Amino acid sequence: VRFDRQIASPARVWIGFANAPETVNNETLTTRSYFAGGTYDVTDRLSVRVDYVHDDRERSYKRHAVAIGLGFRF
């Protein structure tokens, strides 16, 4: 499930949730993910993006990640 919203002309945000099986070492485990992010269009062709994700794998690790990126449309 993902919800996107354009909050202003150059800015967009999103939040979401996923609950899906994932196979690792011939074993299927449930992984829950929560994520959010935003994009800001600096110009018509250049945008900046920030994402956050939290993964919680059953009987295994929990992961927090932040990603920052640039997008160039051509």
Protein backbone atom coordinates (compact mmCIF):
# COMPACT_ATOMS: atom_id res chain seq x y z
CA VAL A 1 0.00 0.00 0.00
CA ARG A 2 1.36 3.41 -0.94
CA PHE A 3 -0.14 6.89 -0.62
CA ASP A 4 1.26 9.76 -2.71
CA ARG A 5 0.42 13.43 -2.35
CA GLN A 6 1.57 16.52 -4.24
CA ILE A 7 1.75 19.14 -1.48
CA ALA A 8 2.85 22.01 -3.73
CA SER A 9 3.71 22.37 -7.38
CA PRO A 10 7.36 21.28 -7.06
CA ALA A 11 7.04 18.95 -4.03
CA ARG A 12 5.64 15.43 -3.60
CA VAL A 13 5.59 13.13 -0.56
CA TRP A 14 4.64 9.49 -0.01
CA ILE A 15 4.20 6.93 2.75
CA GLY A 16 3.62 3.22 2.53
CA PHE A 17 3.52 -0.23 4.09
CA ALA A 18 4.34 -3.69 2.73
CA ASN A 19 3.92 -7.12 4.29
CA ALA A 20 5.23 -9.83 1.98
CA PRO A 21 7.07 -13.16 2.02
CA GLU A 22 10.75 -13.22 1.11
CA THR A 23 12.82 -16.34 0.45
CA VAL A 24 16.33 -16.53 1.92
CA ASN A 25 18.41 -19.73 2.09
CA ASN A 26 15.42 -21.88 1.00
CA GLU A 27 13.28 -20.51 3.85
CA THR A 28 10.35 -18.16 3.38
CA LEU A 29 10.09 -15.39 5.98
CA THR A 30 7.62 -12.53 6.30
CA THR A 31 9.12 -9.08 5.91
CA ARG A 32 7.27 -5.95 6.98
CA SER A 33 8.39 -2.64 5.53
CA TYR A 34 7.41 0.92 6.36
CA PHE A 35 8.62 3.67 4.07
CA ALA A 36 8.28 7.39 3.44
CA GLY A 37 9.92 9.97 1.25
CA GLY A 38 9.71 13.11 -0.73
CA THR A 39 10.79 14.70 -3.99
CA TYR A 40 11.41 18.35 -4.72
CA ASP A 41 11.76 19.60 -8.30
CA VAL A 42 14.61 22.12 -8.30
CA THR A 43 14.12 22.86 -12.01
CA ASP A 44 11.99 21.36 -14.79
CA ARG A 45 14.69 18.72 -15.34
CA LEU A 46 16.39 18.31 -11.93
CA SER A 47 14.85 16.88 -8.75
CA VAL A 48 16.12 15.97 -5.27
CA ARG A 49 14.76 12.88 -3.49
CA VAL A 50 14.92 11.65 0.13
CA ASP A 51 13.65 8.22 1.22
CA TYR A 52 13.43 6.35 4.53
CA VAL A 53 12.67 2.64 4.91
CA HIS A 54 12.32 0.35 7.94
CA ASP A 55 12.40 -3.41 7.26
CA ASP A 56 11.53 -5.97 9.93
CA ARG A 57 12.28 -9.51 8.80
CA GLU A 58 10.70 -12.32 10.82
CA ARG A 59 13.24 -14.07 13.12
CA SER A 60 16.05 -12.01 11.65
CA TYR A 61 17.28 -8.44 11.33
CA LYS A 62 15.66 -5.01 11.46
CA ARG A 63 16.98 -2.45 8.99
CA HIS A 64 16.73 1.34 8.87
CA ALA A 65 17.91 3.08 5.71
CA VAL A 66 17.97 6.64 4.43
CA ALA A 67 18.64 7.38 0.77
CA ILE A 68 19.29 10.73 -0.88
CA GLY A 69 19.39 11.11 -4.63
CA LEU A 70 19.27 13.41 -7.63
CA GLY A 71 17.07 12.85 -10.65
CA PHE A 72 17.65 14.28 -14.09
CA ARG A 73 14.91 14.11 -16.72
CA PHE A 74 15.92 14.16 -20.36
